[in-house]
N, C-alpha and C. Protein backbone atom coordinates (compact mmCIF):
# COMPACT_ATOMS: atom_id res chain seq x y z
N UNK A 1 142.37 123.35 192.89
CA UNK A 1 143.53 122.88 192.17
C UNK A 1 143.05 121.91 191.10
N UNK A 2 143.56 122.07 189.90
CA UNK A 2 143.11 121.24 188.80
C UNK A 2 143.79 119.87 188.84
N UNK A 3 143.21 118.94 188.12
CA UNK A 3 143.76 117.59 188.05
C UNK A 3 145.16 117.61 187.43
N UNK A 4 145.36 118.47 186.45
CA UNK A 4 146.67 118.58 185.81
C UNK A 4 147.73 119.03 186.80
N UNK A 5 147.41 120.01 187.64
CA UNK A 5 148.36 120.49 188.64
C UNK A 5 148.68 119.40 189.65
N UNK A 6 147.68 118.66 190.08
CA UNK A 6 147.89 117.57 191.03
C UNK A 6 148.80 116.50 190.43
N UNK A 7 148.54 116.15 189.18
CA UNK A 7 149.38 115.14 188.52
C UNK A 7 150.81 115.64 188.34
N UNK A 8 150.97 116.92 188.01
CA UNK A 8 152.32 117.48 187.88
C UNK A 8 153.05 117.48 189.22
N UNK A 9 152.35 117.79 190.30
CA UNK A 9 152.97 117.76 191.63
C UNK A 9 153.39 116.34 192.01
N UNK A 10 152.55 115.36 191.71
CA UNK A 10 152.91 113.97 191.99
C UNK A 10 154.12 113.54 191.17
N UNK A 11 154.13 113.91 189.90
CA UNK A 11 155.27 113.59 189.04
C UNK A 11 156.53 114.29 189.52
N UNK A 12 156.40 115.53 189.94
CA UNK A 12 157.53 116.28 190.48
C UNK A 12 158.10 115.58 191.71
N UNK A 13 157.25 115.15 192.61
CA UNK A 13 157.70 114.44 193.81
C UNK A 13 158.39 113.13 193.48
N UNK A 14 157.84 112.40 192.51
CA UNK A 14 158.43 111.14 192.09
C UNK A 14 159.81 111.36 191.48
N UNK A 15 159.91 112.33 190.58
CA UNK A 15 161.20 112.63 189.95
C UNK A 15 162.23 113.10 190.98
N UNK A 16 161.81 113.97 191.88
CA UNK A 16 162.73 114.48 192.90
C UNK A 16 163.22 113.34 193.80
N UNK A 17 162.32 112.45 194.17
CA UNK A 17 162.70 111.32 195.02
C UNK A 17 163.65 110.36 194.32
N UNK A 18 163.35 110.05 193.07
CA UNK A 18 164.21 109.14 192.33
C UNK A 18 165.59 109.74 192.08
N UNK A 19 165.63 110.98 191.63
CA UNK A 19 166.91 111.61 191.33
C UNK A 19 167.74 111.86 192.59
N UNK A 20 167.12 112.35 193.64
CA UNK A 20 167.89 112.63 194.86
C UNK A 20 168.36 111.34 195.52
N UNK A 21 167.55 110.30 195.44
CA UNK A 21 167.96 109.02 196.01
C UNK A 21 169.09 108.37 195.24
N UNK A 22 169.06 108.48 193.93
CA UNK A 22 170.10 107.85 193.12
C UNK A 22 171.39 108.66 193.09
N UNK A 23 171.30 109.97 193.26
CA UNK A 23 172.49 110.82 193.23
C UNK A 23 173.04 111.03 194.64
N UNK A 24 172.19 110.95 195.65
CA UNK A 24 172.63 111.10 197.03
C UNK A 24 172.64 112.54 197.52
N UNK A 25 171.75 113.35 196.99
CA UNK A 25 171.64 114.74 197.44
C UNK A 25 170.29 114.94 198.09
N UNK A 26 170.12 116.06 198.75
CA UNK A 26 168.83 116.39 199.35
C UNK A 26 167.78 116.63 198.28
N UNK A 27 166.54 116.36 198.61
CA UNK A 27 165.45 116.49 197.65
C UNK A 27 165.23 117.90 197.17
N UNK A 28 165.54 118.90 197.99
CA UNK A 28 165.34 120.29 197.60
C UNK A 28 166.21 120.71 196.44
N UNK A 29 167.39 120.10 196.32
CA UNK A 29 168.30 120.41 195.22
C UNK A 29 167.65 120.06 193.89
N UNK A 30 166.86 119.02 193.89
CA UNK A 30 166.18 118.59 192.67
C UNK A 30 164.81 119.25 192.56
N UNK A 31 164.11 119.35 193.67
CA UNK A 31 162.72 119.79 193.65
C UNK A 31 162.54 121.26 193.26
N UNK A 32 163.41 122.13 193.74
CA UNK A 32 163.26 123.56 193.45
C UNK A 32 163.39 123.85 191.95
N UNK A 33 164.44 123.38 191.27
CA UNK A 33 164.49 123.64 189.83
C UNK A 33 163.34 123.01 189.05
N UNK A 34 162.92 121.81 189.45
CA UNK A 34 161.79 121.18 188.75
C UNK A 34 160.51 121.98 188.93
N UNK A 35 160.28 122.52 190.12
CA UNK A 35 159.09 123.33 190.36
C UNK A 35 159.13 124.62 189.54
N UNK A 36 160.31 125.17 189.37
CA UNK A 36 160.44 126.40 188.58
C UNK A 36 160.21 126.10 187.10
N UNK A 37 160.83 125.05 186.59
CA UNK A 37 160.74 124.75 185.16
C UNK A 37 159.39 124.18 184.76
N UNK A 38 158.90 123.19 185.49
CA UNK A 38 157.69 122.49 185.06
C UNK A 38 156.40 123.12 185.56
N UNK A 39 156.42 123.72 186.73
CA UNK A 39 155.19 124.29 187.29
C UNK A 39 155.12 125.80 187.13
N UNK A 40 156.21 126.42 186.70
CA UNK A 40 156.22 127.86 186.51
C UNK A 40 156.24 128.66 187.80
N UNK A 41 156.67 128.04 188.91
CA UNK A 41 156.75 128.74 190.18
C UNK A 41 157.92 129.72 190.15
N UNK A 42 157.81 130.80 190.93
CA UNK A 42 158.97 131.67 191.08
C UNK A 42 159.89 131.06 192.15
N UNK A 43 161.06 131.65 192.32
CA UNK A 43 162.07 131.09 193.22
C UNK A 43 161.56 130.94 194.65
N UNK A 44 160.90 131.95 195.18
CA UNK A 44 160.42 131.90 196.57
C UNK A 44 159.35 130.85 196.76
N UNK A 45 158.41 130.75 195.83
CA UNK A 45 157.36 129.74 195.95
C UNK A 45 157.92 128.33 195.83
N UNK A 46 158.89 128.13 194.95
CA UNK A 46 159.50 126.81 194.79
C UNK A 46 160.25 126.41 196.06
N UNK A 47 160.95 127.34 196.68
CA UNK A 47 161.65 127.03 197.92
C UNK A 47 160.67 126.75 199.06
N UNK A 48 159.57 127.50 199.10
CA UNK A 48 158.54 127.24 200.10
C UNK A 48 157.91 125.88 199.93
N UNK A 49 157.65 125.50 198.68
CA UNK A 49 157.09 124.17 198.39
C UNK A 49 158.05 123.09 198.86
N UNK A 50 159.32 123.25 198.55
CA UNK A 50 160.32 122.27 198.95
C UNK A 50 160.40 122.16 200.47
N UNK A 51 160.41 123.29 201.15
CA UNK A 51 160.47 123.28 202.61
C UNK A 51 159.25 122.62 203.22
N UNK A 52 158.07 122.93 202.70
CA UNK A 52 156.84 122.37 203.24
C UNK A 52 156.77 120.86 203.03
N UNK A 53 157.22 120.41 201.88
CA UNK A 53 157.14 118.98 201.56
C UNK A 53 158.20 118.18 202.29
N UNK A 54 159.38 118.73 202.46
CA UNK A 54 160.48 117.95 203.02
C UNK A 54 160.66 118.10 204.53
N UNK A 55 160.42 119.26 205.08
CA UNK A 55 160.74 119.51 206.49
C UNK A 55 159.83 118.77 207.45
N UNK A 56 158.55 118.72 207.17
CA UNK A 56 157.60 118.12 208.12
C UNK A 56 157.85 116.62 208.28
N UNK A 57 157.91 115.82 207.21
CA UNK A 57 158.16 114.39 207.42
C UNK A 57 159.53 114.10 208.03
N UNK A 58 160.54 114.85 207.65
CA UNK A 58 161.88 114.63 208.20
C UNK A 58 161.90 114.91 209.70
N UNK A 59 161.21 115.96 210.12
CA UNK A 59 161.15 116.31 211.54
C UNK A 59 160.47 115.23 212.36
N UNK A 60 159.33 114.73 211.88
CA UNK A 60 158.63 113.69 212.61
C UNK A 60 159.43 112.39 212.66
N UNK A 61 160.08 112.04 211.57
CA UNK A 61 160.89 110.83 211.54
C UNK A 61 162.08 110.95 212.50
N UNK A 62 162.72 112.11 212.54
CA UNK A 62 163.84 112.31 213.45
C UNK A 62 163.38 112.22 214.91
N UNK A 63 162.25 112.83 215.23
CA UNK A 63 161.73 112.77 216.59
C UNK A 63 161.41 111.34 216.99
N UNK A 64 160.82 110.58 216.08
CA UNK A 64 160.50 109.17 216.35
C UNK A 64 161.77 108.36 216.58
N UNK A 65 162.78 108.57 215.75
CA UNK A 65 164.02 107.82 215.89
C UNK A 65 164.75 108.14 217.19
N UNK A 66 164.76 109.40 217.61
CA UNK A 66 165.35 109.75 218.90
C UNK A 66 164.59 109.08 220.04
N UNK A 67 163.28 109.09 219.96
CA UNK A 67 162.46 108.45 221.00
C UNK A 67 162.72 106.95 221.04
N UNK A 68 162.77 106.33 219.88
CA UNK A 68 162.98 104.89 219.79
C UNK A 68 164.36 104.49 220.32
N UNK A 69 165.36 105.34 220.10
CA UNK A 69 166.72 105.06 220.56
C UNK A 69 166.91 105.34 222.05
N UNK A 70 165.87 105.90 222.70
CA UNK A 70 165.97 106.18 224.12
C UNK A 70 166.83 107.39 224.43
N UNK A 71 166.84 108.35 223.55
CA UNK A 71 167.67 109.54 223.73
C UNK A 71 167.04 110.56 224.68
N UNK A 72 165.94 110.23 225.30
CA UNK A 72 165.33 111.15 226.25
C UNK A 72 164.66 112.34 225.58
N UNK A 73 163.97 112.10 224.51
CA UNK A 73 163.28 113.17 223.78
C UNK A 73 162.14 113.72 224.64
N UNK A 74 162.14 115.00 224.85
CA UNK A 74 161.08 115.66 225.61
C UNK A 74 159.95 116.01 224.64
N UNK A 75 158.87 115.24 224.67
CA UNK A 75 157.77 115.38 223.70
C UNK A 75 157.02 116.70 223.85
N UNK A 76 157.19 117.39 224.96
CA UNK A 76 156.53 118.70 225.10
C UNK A 76 157.10 119.70 224.12
N UNK A 77 158.36 119.52 223.73
CA UNK A 77 159.01 120.46 222.82
C UNK A 77 159.17 119.89 221.41
N UNK A 78 158.85 118.64 221.22
CA UNK A 78 159.04 118.01 219.90
C UNK A 78 157.98 118.45 218.92
């Protein structure tokens, strides 16, 4: 991966985070169109990028919060 692509991905993440946080929508709503327009991704690749970037951290944070709240999270399935 070239340095330009890495910088564009970082900029894309920053823009998606700022816009989604200030507007109050999910990051994928912002991230998918930006990936299509600025990175030249097709629709499927842009959605996959959004899912990969957003789903993993959200899942771990949710599991941690359930555990912290004492909700009886079964870590074998988490």
